[in-house]
C-alpha atoms as a PDB file:
ATOM      1  CA  MET A   1       8.228  23.555  29.168  1.00  0.00           C
ATOM      2  CA  LYS A   2       7.653  19.922  30.010  1.00  0.00           C
ATOM      3  CA  PHE A   3       6.599  17.096  27.706  1.00  0.00           C
ATOM      4  CA  HIS A   4       4.837  13.811  28.084  1.00  0.00           C
ATOM      5  CA  TYR A   5       5.983  11.546  25.265  1.00  0.00           C
ATOM      6  CA  HIS A   6       3.460   9.056  23.878  1.00  0.00           C
ATOM      7  CA  LEU A   7       5.374   6.295  22.063  1.00  0.00           C
ATOM      8  CA  ILE A   8       3.409   4.401  19.435  1.00  0.00           C
ATOM      9  CA  VAL A   9       5.610   1.402  18.681  1.00  0.00           C
ATOM     10  CA  ASN A  10       5.288  -1.179  15.932  1.00  0.00           C
ATOM     11  CA  PRO A  11       7.575  -3.885  17.369  1.00  0.00           C
ATOM     12  CA  ALA A  12       7.417  -5.972  14.180  1.00  0.00           C
ATOM     13  CA  SER A  13       8.509  -3.208  11.813  1.00  0.00           C
ATOM     14  CA  GLY A  14      11.784  -3.641   9.972  1.00  0.00           C
ATOM     15  CA  GLY A  15      11.986  -7.315  10.928  1.00  0.00           C
ATOM     16  CA  GLY A  16      12.112  -6.477  14.636  1.00  0.00           C
ATOM     17  CA  LYS A  17      13.823  -3.076  14.476  1.00  0.00           C
ATOM     18  CA  GLY A  18      10.752  -1.487  16.031  1.00  0.00           C
ATOM     19  CA  LYS A  19      11.201  -3.482  19.232  1.00  0.00           C
ATOM     20  CA  LYS A  20      14.985  -2.963  19.351  1.00  0.00           C
ATOM     21  CA  HIS A  21      14.733   0.789  18.730  1.00  0.00           C
ATOM     22  CA  SER A  22      11.914   1.241  21.228  1.00  0.00           C
ATOM     23  CA  ASP A  23      14.021  -0.511  23.900  1.00  0.00           C
ATOM     24  CA  ILE A  24      16.800   2.011  23.236  1.00  0.00           C
ATOM     25  CA  ILE A  25      14.413   4.984  23.349  1.00  0.00           C
ATOM     26  CA  ILE A  26      12.696   3.832  26.538  1.00  0.00           C
ATOM     27  CA  GLU A  27      16.080   3.429  28.249  1.00  0.00           C
ATOM     28  CA  LEU A  28      16.947   7.016  27.270  1.00  0.00           C
ATOM     29  CA  LEU A  29      13.598   8.301  28.516  1.00  0.00           C
ATOM     30  CA  LYS A  30      14.164   6.562  31.845  1.00  0.00           C
ATOM     31  CA  LYS A  31      17.778   7.710  32.106  1.00  0.00           C
ATOM     32  CA  TYR A  32      16.882  11.376  31.656  1.00  0.00           C
ATOM     33  CA  GLN A  33      13.655  11.071  33.680  1.00  0.00           C
ATOM     34  CA  PHE A  34      11.320  12.104  30.885  1.00  0.00           C
ATOM     35  CA  HIS A  35       7.630  11.346  31.316  1.00  0.00           C
ATOM     36  CA  TYR A  36       6.330   8.828  28.795  1.00  0.00           C
ATOM     37  CA  THR A  37       3.740   6.193  27.993  1.00  0.00           C
ATOM     38  CA  ALA A  38       4.402   3.394  25.488  1.00  0.00           C
ATOM     39  CA  TYR A  39       1.783   1.738  23.285  1.00  0.00           C
ATOM     40  CA  PHE A  40       2.756  -1.407  21.355  1.00  0.00           C
ATOM     41  CA  THR A  41       0.775  -2.411  18.269  1.00  0.00           C
ATOM     42  CA  GLU A  42      -0.372  -6.027  18.172  1.00  0.00           C
ATOM     43  CA  PHE A  43      -2.041  -6.168  14.745  1.00  0.00           C
ATOM     44  CA  PRO A  44      -2.190  -4.113  11.517  1.00  0.00           C
ATOM     45  CA  GLY A  45      -4.034  -0.845  12.074  1.00  0.00           C
ATOM     46  CA  HIS A  46      -3.708  -0.992  15.870  1.00  0.00           C
ATOM     47  CA  GLU A  47      -1.970   2.403  15.810  1.00  0.00           C
ATOM     48  CA  ILE A  48      -5.230   3.938  14.544  1.00  0.00           C
ATOM     49  CA  ALA A  49      -7.024   2.860  17.732  1.00  0.00           C
ATOM     50  CA  PHE A  50      -4.250   4.423  19.840  1.00  0.00           C
ATOM     51  CA  ILE A  51      -4.484   7.708  17.906  1.00  0.00           C
ATOM     52  CA  ASP A  52      -8.277   7.772  18.247  1.00  0.00           C
ATOM     53  CA  GLU A  53      -8.007   7.312  22.005  1.00  0.00           C
ATOM     54  CA  LEU A  54      -5.247   9.894  22.412  1.00  0.00           C
ATOM     55  CA  ASN A  55      -7.021  12.390  20.175  1.00  0.00           C
ATOM     56  CA  GLN A  56     -10.140  12.218  22.348  1.00  0.00           C
ATOM     57  CA  SER A  57      -8.348  12.526  25.662  1.00  0.00           C
ATOM     58  CA  THR A  58      -4.892  14.006  25.294  1.00  0.00           C
ATOM     59  CA  LEU A  59      -3.564  15.412  22.031  1.00  0.00           C
ATOM     60  CA  ARG A  60      -3.753  19.071  21.074  1.00  0.00           C
ATOM     61  CA  ALA A  61      -2.269  21.502  18.589  1.00  0.00           C
ATOM     62  CA  TRP A  62       0.950  23.292  19.421  1.00  0.00           C
ATOM     63  CA  ARG A  63       0.685  26.948  20.468  1.00  0.00           C
ATOM     64  CA  GLU A  64       3.899  28.977  20.417  1.00  0.00           C
ATOM     65  CA  GLU A  65       3.031  30.613  23.729  1.00  0.00           C
ATOM     66  CA  GLU A  66       3.120  27.182  25.397  1.00  0.00           C
ATOM     67  CA  ARG A  67       6.919  27.345  25.431  1.00  0.00           C
ATOM     68  CA  ASP A  68       6.688  29.823  28.318  1.00  0.00           C
ATOM     69  CA  GLU A  69       3.892  28.110  30.221  1.00  0.00           C
ATOM     70  CA  ALA A  70       4.304  25.626  33.068  1.00  0.00           C
ATOM     71  CA  VAL A  71       2.191  23.004  31.335  1.00  0.00           C
ATOM     72  CA  THR A  72       2.951  19.548  29.991  1.00  0.00           C
ATOM     73  CA  PHE A  73       2.628  19.129  26.239  1.00  0.00           C
ATOM     74  CA  PRO A  74       1.641  15.688  24.882  1.00  0.00           C
ATOM     75  CA  LEU A  75       3.836  14.639  21.968  1.00  0.00           C
ATOM     76  CA  VAL A  76       3.423  11.479  19.900  1.00  0.00           C
ATOM     77  CA  ILE A  77       6.613   9.637  18.927  1.00  0.00           C
ATOM     78  CA  VAL A  78       6.095   6.981  16.259  1.00  0.00           C
ATOM     79  CA  VAL A  79       8.654   4.161  16.424  1.00  0.00           C
ATOM     80  CA  GLY A  80       8.240   2.031  13.319  1.00  0.00           C
ATOM     81  CA  GLY A  81       8.408   2.063   9.563  1.00  0.00           C
ATOM     82  CA  ASP A  82       6.964   4.394   6.964  1.00  0.00           C
ATOM     83  CA  GLY A  83       3.757   2.354   6.962  1.00  0.00           C
ATOM     84  CA  THR A  84       3.205   2.954  10.683  1.00  0.00           C
ATOM     85  CA  LEU A  85       3.919   6.664  10.322  1.00  0.00           C
ATOM     86  CA  HIS A  86       1.587   6.811   7.323  1.00  0.00           C
ATOM     87  CA  GLN A  87      -1.256   5.293   9.356  1.00  0.00           C
ATOM     88  CA  VAL A  88      -0.763   7.791  12.190  1.00  0.00           C
ATOM     89  CA  VAL A  89      -0.514  10.845   9.929  1.00  0.00           C
ATOM     90  CA  GLU A  90      -3.465   9.734   7.807  1.00  0.00           C
ATOM     91  CA  ARG A  91      -5.631   9.197  10.893  1.00  0.00           C
ATOM     92  CA  LEU A  92      -4.746  12.610  12.334  1.00  0.00           C
ATOM     93  CA  ASN A  93      -5.568  14.131   8.951  1.00  0.00           C
ATOM     94  CA  TYR A  94      -8.912  12.329   8.913  1.00  0.00           C
ATOM     95  CA  LEU A  95      -9.647  13.606  12.443  1.00  0.00           C
ATOM     96  CA  LYS A  96      -8.630  17.130  11.351  1.00  0.00           C
ATOM     97  CA  SER A  97      -6.147  17.195  14.224  1.00  0.00           C
ATOM     98  CA  GLN A  98      -3.271  19.683  14.204  1.00  0.00           C
ATOM     99  CA  ALA A  99      -1.328  17.721  16.831  1.00  0.00           C
ATOM    100  CA  PRO A 100       2.348  17.343  15.843  1.00  0.00           C
ATOM    101  CA  VAL A 101       4.023  13.960  15.400  1.00  0.00           C
ATOM    102  CA  SER A 102       7.651  12.952  15.861  1.00  0.00           C
ATOM    103  CA  TYR A 103       9.341   9.902  14.392  1.00  0.00           C
ATOM    104  CA  ILE A 104      12.048   7.343  15.149  1.00  0.00           C
ATOM    105  CA  PRO A 105      12.601   5.388  11.888  1.00  0.00           C
ATOM    106  CA  ALA A 106      12.621   1.620  12.425  1.00  0.00           C
ATOM    107  CA  GLY A 107      11.444   0.151   9.144  1.00  0.00           C
ATOM    108  CA  SER A 108      12.922  -1.625   6.141  1.00  0.00           C
ATOM    109  CA  GLY A 109      12.915   1.403   3.846  1.00  0.00           C
ATOM    110  CA  ASN A 110      12.812   4.560   6.000  1.00  0.00           C
ATOM    111  CA  ASP A 111      12.345   6.798   2.968  1.00  0.00           C
ATOM    112  CA  PHE A 112      10.488   9.458   4.948  1.00  0.00           C
ATOM    113  CA  ALA A 113      13.462   9.908   7.272  1.00  0.00           C
ATOM    114  CA  ARG A 114      15.849  10.146   4.324  1.00  0.00           C
ATOM    115  CA  GLY A 115      13.637  12.634   2.531  1.00  0.00           C
ATOM    116  CA  PHE A 116      13.172  14.956   5.488  1.00  0.00           C
ATOM    117  CA  GLY A 117      16.553  14.763   7.216  1.00  0.00           C
ATOM    118  CA  ILE A 118      15.689  12.568  10.198  1.00  0.00           C
ATOM    119  CA  SER A 119      18.591  10.440  11.395  1.00  0.00           C
ATOM    120  CA  LEU A 120      18.380   6.690  10.789  1.00  0.00           C
ATOM    121  CA  ASP A 121      20.226   6.179  14.077  1.00  0.00           C
ATOM    122  CA  PRO A 122      17.606   5.886  16.862  1.00  0.00           C
ATOM    123  CA  VAL A 123      19.685   7.739  19.442  1.00  0.00           C
ATOM    124  CA  GLN A 124      20.399  10.660  17.111  1.00  0.00           C
ATOM    125  CA  ALA A 125      16.765  10.751  15.978  1.00  0.00           C
ATOM    126  CA  PHE A 126      15.730  10.838  19.655  1.00  0.00           C
ATOM    127  CA  TRP A 127      17.892  13.893  20.310  1.00  0.00           C
ATOM    128  CA  GLN A 128      16.559  15.586  17.185  1.00  0.00           C
ATOM    129  CA  ILE A 129      13.161  15.380  18.865  1.00  0.00           C
ATOM    130  CA  ILE A 130      14.313  16.419  22.339  1.00  0.00           C
ATOM    131  CA  LYS A 131      16.316  19.414  21.112  1.00  0.00           C
ATOM    132  CA  ALA A 132      13.589  20.746  18.822  1.00  0.00           C
ATOM    133  CA  GLN A 133      11.812  23.870  20.079  1.00  0.00           C
ATOM    134  CA  ARG A 134       8.703  23.672  17.912  1.00  0.00           C
ATOM    135  CA  PRO A 135       7.151  21.544  15.147  1.00  0.00           C
ATOM    136  CA  GLN A 136       7.936  22.045  11.481  1.00  0.00           C
ATOM    137  CA  LYS A 137       5.164  22.136   8.905  1.00  0.00           C
ATOM    138  CA  ILE A 138       6.253  19.785   6.129  1.00  0.00           C
ATOM    139  CA  ASN A 139       4.768  19.181   2.699  1.00  0.00           C
ATOM    140  CA  ILE A 140       2.944  15.950   2.020  1.00  0.00           C
ATOM    141  CA  PHE A 141       0.030  15.398  -0.372  1.00  0.00           C
ATOM    142  CA  SER A 142      -3.456  13.967  -0.236  1.00  0.00           C
ATOM    143  CA  TYR A 143      -5.409  11.854  -2.697  1.00  0.00           C
ATOM    144  CA  HIS A 144      -8.979  11.017  -3.604  1.00  0.00           C
ATOM    145  CA  GLU A 145      -9.552   7.868  -5.626  1.00  0.00           C
ATOM    146  CA  GLN A 146     -12.804   8.482  -7.493  1.00  0.00           C
ATOM    147  CA  ILE A 147     -13.742   4.869  -8.371  1.00  0.00           C
ATOM    148  CA  THR A 148     -13.685   3.506  -4.812  1.00  0.00           C
ATOM    149  CA  GLY A 149     -14.171   6.842  -3.047  1.00  0.00           C
ATOM    150  CA  LYS A 150     -11.077   6.191  -0.937  1.00  0.00           C
ATOM    151  CA  LYS A 151      -9.269   9.245   0.449  1.00  0.00           C
ATOM    152  CA  GLY A 152      -5.937   9.465   2.217  1.00  0.00           C
ATOM    153  CA  VAL A 153      -2.553  11.131   2.506  1.00  0.00           C
ATOM    154  CA  VAL A 154       0.848  10.330   1.055  1.00  0.00           C
ATOM    155  CA  ILE A 155       3.980  11.033   3.071  1.00  0.00           C
ATOM    156  CA  ASN A 156       6.392   9.486   0.536  1.00  0.00           C
ATOM    157  CA  SER A 157       5.009   8.308  -2.786  1.00  0.00           C
ATOM    158  CA  LEU A 158       2.046   6.929  -4.681  1.00  0.00           C
ATOM    159  CA  GLY A 159       2.801   4.737  -7.669  1.00  0.00           C
ATOM    160  CA  ILE A 160       0.920   2.734 -10.267  1.00  0.00           C
ATOM    161  CA  GLY A 161       2.710   0.070 -12.295  1.00  0.00           C
ATOM    162  CA  ILE A 162       6.083  -1.488 -11.638  1.00  0.00           C
ATOM    163  CA  ASP A 163       6.556  -0.088  -8.131  1.00  0.00           C
ATOM    164  CA  GLY A 164       3.084  -1.377  -7.171  1.00  0.00           C
ATOM    165  CA  VAL A 165       4.030  -4.827  -8.504  1.00  0.00           C
ATOM    166  CA  ILE A 166       7.367  -4.708  -6.695  1.00  0.00           C
ATOM    167  CA  VAL A 167       5.713  -3.779  -3.385  1.00  0.00           C
ATOM    168  CA  TYR A 168       3.292  -6.655  -3.913  1.00  0.00           C
ATOM    169  CA  GLN A 169       6.196  -9.052  -4.551  1.00  0.00           C
ATOM    170  CA  THR A 170       8.170  -7.619  -1.615  1.00  0.00           C
ATOM    171  CA  THR A 171       5.309  -8.107   0.847  1.00  0.00           C
ATOM    172  CA  LYS A 172       5.308 -11.772  -0.130  1.00  0.00           C
ATOM    173  CA  THR A 173       9.007 -12.084   0.710  1.00  0.00           C
ATOM    174  CA  GLU A 174       9.147 -13.746   4.121  1.00  0.00           C
ATOM    175  CA  LYS A 175      12.757 -12.712   4.711  1.00  0.00           C
ATOM    176  CA  LYS A 176      12.259  -9.036   3.960  1.00  0.00           C
ATOM    177  CA  GLN A 177      14.243  -8.092   7.066  1.00  0.00           C
ATOM    178  CA  PHE A 178      17.400  -9.586   5.549  1.00  0.00           C
ATOM    179  CA  LEU A 179      17.285  -7.408   2.434  1.00  0.00           C
ATOM    180  CA  SER A 180      19.657  -4.494   2.028  1.00  0.00           C
ATOM    181  CA  SER A 181      18.428  -0.921   2.294  1.00  0.00           C
ATOM    182  CA  PHE A 182      17.582  -1.156  -1.413  1.00  0.00           C
ATOM    183  CA  VAL A 183      14.660  -3.443  -0.580  1.00  0.00           C
ATOM    184  CA  TYR A 184      13.251  -3.328  -4.097  1.00  0.00           C
ATOM    185  CA  ILE A 185      16.325  -4.692  -5.891  1.00  0.00           C
ATOM    186  CA  PHE A 186      15.659  -8.381  -5.146  1.00  0.00           C
ATOM    187  CA  PRO A 187      12.056  -8.682  -6.375  1.00  0.00           C
ATOM    188  CA  ILE A 188      12.577  -6.179  -9.187  1.00  0.00           C
ATOM    189  CA  PHE A 189      13.740  -8.715 -11.755  1.00  0.00           C
ATOM    190  CA  LYS A 190      10.603 -10.816 -11.333  1.00  0.00           C
ATOM    191  CA  ALA A 191       8.458  -7.690 -11.650  1.00  0.00           C
ATOM    192  CA  LEU A 192      10.339  -6.544 -14.767  1.00  0.00           C
ATOM    193  CA  PHE A 193       9.231  -9.644 -16.628  1.00  0.00           C
ATOM    194  CA  LYS A 194       5.644  -9.562 -15.344  1.00  0.00           C
ATOM    195  CA  GLN A 195       4.793  -5.902 -15.825  1.00  0.00           C
ATOM    196  CA  LYS A 196       3.279  -4.923 -19.173  1.00  0.00           C
ATOM    197  CA  GLY A 197       2.794  -1.441 -20.545  1.00  0.00           C
ATOM    198  CA  PHE A 198      -0.624   0.074 -19.818  1.00  0.00           C
ATOM    199  CA  PRO A 199      -2.463   3.287 -20.794  1.00  0.00           C
ATOM    200  CA  VAL A 200      -2.455   6.270 -18.449  1.00  0.00           C
ATOM    201  CA  LEU A 201      -4.067   9.697 -18.748  1.00  0.00           C
ATOM    202  CA  ILE A 202      -2.520  12.530 -16.746  1.00  0.00           C
ATOM    203  CA  GLU A 203      -4.002  16.007 -16.291  1.00  0.00           C
ATOM    204  CA  ALA A 204      -1.553  18.515 -14.805  1.00  0.00           C
ATOM    205  CA  ASN A 205      -0.409  22.116 -15.269  1.00  0.00           C
ATOM    206  CA  GLY A 206      -3.193  22.801 -17.759  1.00  0.00           C
ATOM    207  CA  GLN A 207      -2.142  19.924 -19.992  1.00  0.00           C
ATOM    208  CA  GLU A 208      -3.530  16.507 -20.806  1.00  0.00           C
ATOM    209  CA  LEU A 209      -0.899  13.828 -21.360  1.00  0.00           C
ATOM    210  CA  ASN A 210      -1.581  10.356 -22.728  1.00  0.00           C
ATOM    211  CA  PHE A 211       0.874   7.506 -22.246  1.00  0.00           C
ATOM    212  CA  LYS A 212       0.024   4.254 -24.039  1.00  0.00           C
ATOM    213  CA  LYS A 213       2.704   1.909 -22.662  1.00  0.00           C
ATOM    214  CA  THR A 214       3.238   3.092 -19.081  1.00  0.00           C
ATOM    215  CA  PHE A 215       5.700   1.004 -17.091  1.00  0.00           C
ATOM    216  CA  LEU A 216       6.036   3.224 -14.018  1.00  0.00           C
ATOM    217  CA  CYS A 217       3.950   6.199 -12.923  1.00  0.00           C
ATOM    218  CA  THR A 218       4.934   7.566  -9.521  1.00  0.00           C
ATOM    219  CA  MET A 219       4.172  10.746  -7.592  1.00  0.00           C
ATOM    220  CA  THR A 220       6.597  11.713  -4.840  1.00  0.00           C
ATOM    221  CA  ASN A 221       7.383  14.708  -2.623  1.00  0.00           C
ATOM    222  CA  HIS A 222      11.039  13.841  -1.982  1.00  0.00           C
ATOM    223  CA  PRO A 223      13.782  11.950  -3.852  1.00  0.00           C
ATOM    224  CA  TYR A 224      13.639   8.474  -2.312  1.00  0.00           C
ATOM    225  CA  LEU A 225      11.720   5.285  -2.965  1.00  0.00           C
ATOM    226  CA  GLY A 226      12.136   1.676  -1.858  1.00  0.00           C
ATOM    227  CA  GLY A 227      14.723   2.116   0.882  1.00  0.00           C
ATOM    228  CA  GLY A 228      16.909   4.868  -0.532  1.00  0.00           C
ATOM    229  CA  ILE A 229      16.624   4.517  -4.307  1.00  0.00           C
ATOM    230  CA  PRO A 230      16.804   8.112  -5.612  1.00  0.00           C
ATOM    231  CA  LEU A 231      13.896   7.860  -8.061  1.00  0.00           C
ATOM    232  CA  ALA A 232      13.359  11.635  -8.195  1.00  0.00           C
ATOM    233  CA  PRO A 233      16.559  13.447  -7.166  1.00  0.00           C
ATOM    234  CA  MET A 234      15.022  16.670  -8.485  1.00  0.00           C
ATOM    235  CA  ALA A 235      12.132  16.474  -5.974  1.00  0.00           C
ATOM    236  CA  ASP A 236      12.195  19.166  -3.287  1.00  0.00           C
ATOM    237  CA  SER A 237      10.674  18.281   0.081  1.00  0.00           C
ATOM    238  CA  GLN A 238      10.528  22.011   0.898  1.00  0.00           C
ATOM    239  CA  SER A 239       8.222  22.725  -2.044  1.00  0.00           C
ATOM    240  CA  PRO A 240       4.422  22.323  -1.975  1.00  0.00           C
ATOM    241  CA  GLU A 241       4.699  20.886  -5.481  1.00  0.00           C
ATOM    242  CA  PHE A 242       5.267  17.167  -5.919  1.00  0.00           C
ATOM    243  CA  GLU A 243       7.084  15.329  -8.672  1.00  0.00           C
ATOM    244  CA  CYS A 244       5.440  13.039 -11.219  1.00  0.00           C
ATOM    245  CA  VAL A 245       7.737  10.469 -12.837  1.00  0.00           C
ATOM    246  CA  VAL A 246       6.680   8.395 -15.855  1.00  0.00           C
ATOM    247  CA  VAL A 247       8.618   5.670 -17.661  1.00  0.00           C
ATOM    248  CA  GLU A 248       7.082   3.812 -20.585  1.00  0.00           C
ATOM    249  CA  LYS A 249       7.703   0.159 -21.443  1.00  0.00           C
ATOM    250  CA  HIS A 250      10.736  -0.301 -23.672  1.00  0.00           C
ATOM    251  CA  SER A 251      13.141  -3.079 -24.515  1.00  0.00           C
ATOM    252  CA  PHE A 252      14.850  -4.733 -21.571  1.00  0.00           C
ATOM    253  CA  PHE A 253      18.102  -3.109 -22.680  1.00  0.00           C
ATOM    254  CA  ILE A 254      16.640   0.378 -22.164  1.00  0.00           C
ATOM    255  CA  ILE A 255      14.956  -0.611 -18.889  1.00  0.00           C
ATOM    256  CA  PHE A 256      18.200  -1.985 -17.455  1.00  0.00           C
ATOM    257  CA  LYS A 257      20.022   1.107 -18.693  1.00  0.00           C
ATOM    258  CA  LEU A 258      17.519   3.258 -16.800  1.00  0.00           C
ATOM    259  CA  ILE A 259      17.992   1.162 -13.657  1.00  0.00           C
ATOM    260  CA  PHE A 260      21.759   1.644 -13.938  1.00  0.00           C
ATOM    261  CA  LEU A 261      21.328   5.409 -14.388  1.00  0.00           C
ATOM    262  CA  LEU A 262      18.847   5.467 -11.496  1.00  0.00           C
ATOM    263  CA  LEU A 263      21.296   3.949  -9.042  1.00  0.00           C
ATOM    264  CA  PHE A 264      23.791   6.714  -9.865  1.00  0.00           C
ATOM    265  CA  LYS A 265      21.199   9.531  -9.974  1.00  0.00           C
ATOM    266  CA  LYS A 266      21.777  10.030 -13.696  1.00  0.00           C
ATOM    267  CA  GLN A 267      18.310   9.094 -14.955  1.00  0.00           C
ATOM    268  CA  GLU A 268      17.501  12.674 -16.010  1.00  0.00           C
ATOM    269  CA  LYS A 269      20.050  12.250 -18.806  1.00  0.00           C
ATOM    270  CA  SER A 270      17.715   9.757 -20.498  1.00  0.00           C
ATOM    271  CA  LYS A 271      14.880  10.918 -22.773  1.00  0.00           C
ATOM    272  CA  ASP A 272      12.942   7.849 -21.586  1.00  0.00           C
ATOM    273  CA  PHE A 273      12.705   9.314 -18.072  1.00  0.00           C
ATOM    274  CA  ILE A 274       9.797  11.788 -18.051  1.00  0.00           C
ATOM    275  CA  HIS A 275       9.138  14.012 -15.048  1.00  0.00           C
ATOM    276  CA  PHE A 276       7.416  17.246 -14.135  1.00  0.00           C
ATOM    277  CA  SER A 277       6.438  19.204 -11.032  1.00  0.00           C
ATOM    278  CA  THR A 278       2.841  20.050 -10.230  1.00  0.00           C
ATOM    279  CA  ASN A 279       0.621  21.090  -7.317  1.00  0.00           C
ATOM    280  CA  LYS A 280      -2.479  19.323  -8.581  1.00  0.00           C
ATOM    281  CA  LEU A 281      -2.805  16.221 -10.693  1.00  0.00           C
ATOM    282  CA  ARG A 282      -5.345  13.757 -11.986  1.00  0.00           C
ATOM    283  CA  ILE A 283      -4.182  10.337 -13.093  1.00  0.00           C
ATOM    284  CA  VAL A 284      -6.440   7.754 -14.723  1.00  0.00           C
ATOM    285  CA  SER A 285      -5.519   4.112 -15.312  1.00  0.00           C
ATOM    286  CA  THR A 286      -8.339   2.163 -16.967  1.00  0.00           C
ATOM    287  CA  THR A 287      -6.735  -1.283 -16.739  1.00  0.00           C
ATOM    288  CA  GLN A 288      -6.217  -3.483 -13.682  1.00  0.00           C
ATOM    289  CA  GLN A 289      -2.891  -2.500 -12.081  1.00  0.00           C
ATOM    290  CA  PHE A 290      -1.204  -2.738  -8.708  1.00  0.00           C
ATOM    291  CA  CYS A 291      -0.711   0.507  -6.805  1.00  0.00           C
ATOM    292  CA  GLN A 292       1.403   1.387  -3.786  1.00  0.00           C
ATOM    293  CA  VAL A 293       0.929   4.198  -1.271  1.00  0.00           C
ATOM    294  CA  ASP A 294       3.897   4.764   1.038  1.00  0.00           C
ATOM    295  CA  GLY A 295       5.087   1.208   0.473  1.00  0.00           C
ATOM    296  CA  GLU A 296       1.711  -0.399   1.198  1.00  0.00           C
ATOM    297  CA  VAL A 297       0.097  -2.264  -1.687  1.00  0.00           C
ATOM    298  CA  ILE A 298      -3.348  -1.530  -3.094  1.00  0.00           C
ATOM    299  CA  GLU A 299      -4.635  -4.604  -4.910  1.00  0.00           C
ATOM    300  CA  GLN A 300      -5.138  -4.585  -8.670  1.00  0.00           C
ATOM    301  CA  ASN A 301      -7.804  -2.193  -9.869  1.00  0.00           C
ATOM    302  CA  ALA A 302      -8.559   0.587 -12.318  1.00  0.00           C
ATOM    303  CA  PHE A 303      -7.767   3.969 -10.742  1.00  0.00           C
ATOM    304  CA  ASP A 304      -8.833   7.586 -11.033  1.00  0.00           C
ATOM    305  CA  PHE A 305      -6.706   9.592  -8.595  1.00  0.00           C
ATOM    306  CA  THR A 306      -6.821  13.300  -7.855  1.00  0.00           C
ATOM    307  CA  LEU A 307      -3.812  14.543  -5.870  1.00  0.00           C
ATOM    308  CA  GLN A 308      -3.131  17.890  -4.234  1.00  0.00           C
ATOM    309  CA  PRO A 309      -0.781  19.390  -1.607  1.00  0.00           C
ATOM    310  CA  ASN A 310      -1.271  18.898   2.109  1.00  0.00           C
ATOM    311  CA  THR A 311       0.845  19.584   5.205  1.00  0.00           C
ATOM    312  CA  GLN A 312       1.741  17.851   8.462  1.00  0.00           C
ATOM    313  CA  ASN A 313       3.327  19.133  11.685  1.00  0.00           C
ATOM    314  CA  ILE A 314       6.427  17.048  12.430  1.00  0.00           C
ATOM    315  CA  TRP A 315       8.437  17.618  15.615  1.00  0.00           C
ATOM    316  CA  PHE A 316      12.156  17.309  14.877  1.00  0.00           C
ATOM    317  CA  LEU A 317      15.290  19.448  14.777  1.00  0.00           C
END
């Protein structure tokens, strides 16, 4: 069957990677005479307007029988970072659309691509899309924050505490594009000194857990966080369950020991690294904390999150 590829490009993502990668992809589309339309975001949230327009006029769910029909299938290709992909997936979820999405990673972190086996090379990622015969239903999770009423989806991770502070510090770093793939390492030391322990209540797997000095509390559906840091190497992207990781505030010696273990995927050897798998979770933080969802900061607030499994159709090989 034939395709019409709808490129949603964030040219500013990854310090300009979005523009560079989209140039490469468009050249390939022209070379092989594929039909396409490109949409370039000009401001934060612009991708939502593109999805709304396409959803009304063009997008549709995949039907297996379409492979044998002489019709053109409209396929969205997101070229940008995890934040751009998050916005697209969340909007489709809000619209209750079953349209599949494909992805060319072009951000600073690209944790989604790492977690789900999408090549970080734009040319290879392009051919993963072209060679695929059908979408894959992948596991993500959704959240409902009871205090504000906000609802959304998580394609990578949701974290309260140190990773929220680090994302906040990172977004203030004007030269983010020059950081290594471990984009959290540079602002982490500042965050280590600022972040204090705070109380958290977690309800999961029929248990109620109270942590009085929480330093990090992160939910993730695959191993990676912050540009390839293997926070939860035990997480399985093929499972509908997600992983909850908790670290309480300790002496700086223990914290730095955990960071060292983390970089070598040995953190499970430490009794100070607490984790468990669950398919439904409630997490309550009564004090003002920063939160991050897929690398985007939520300003300081008290939180009452309920999280549960969700799915998304992603088109890749």
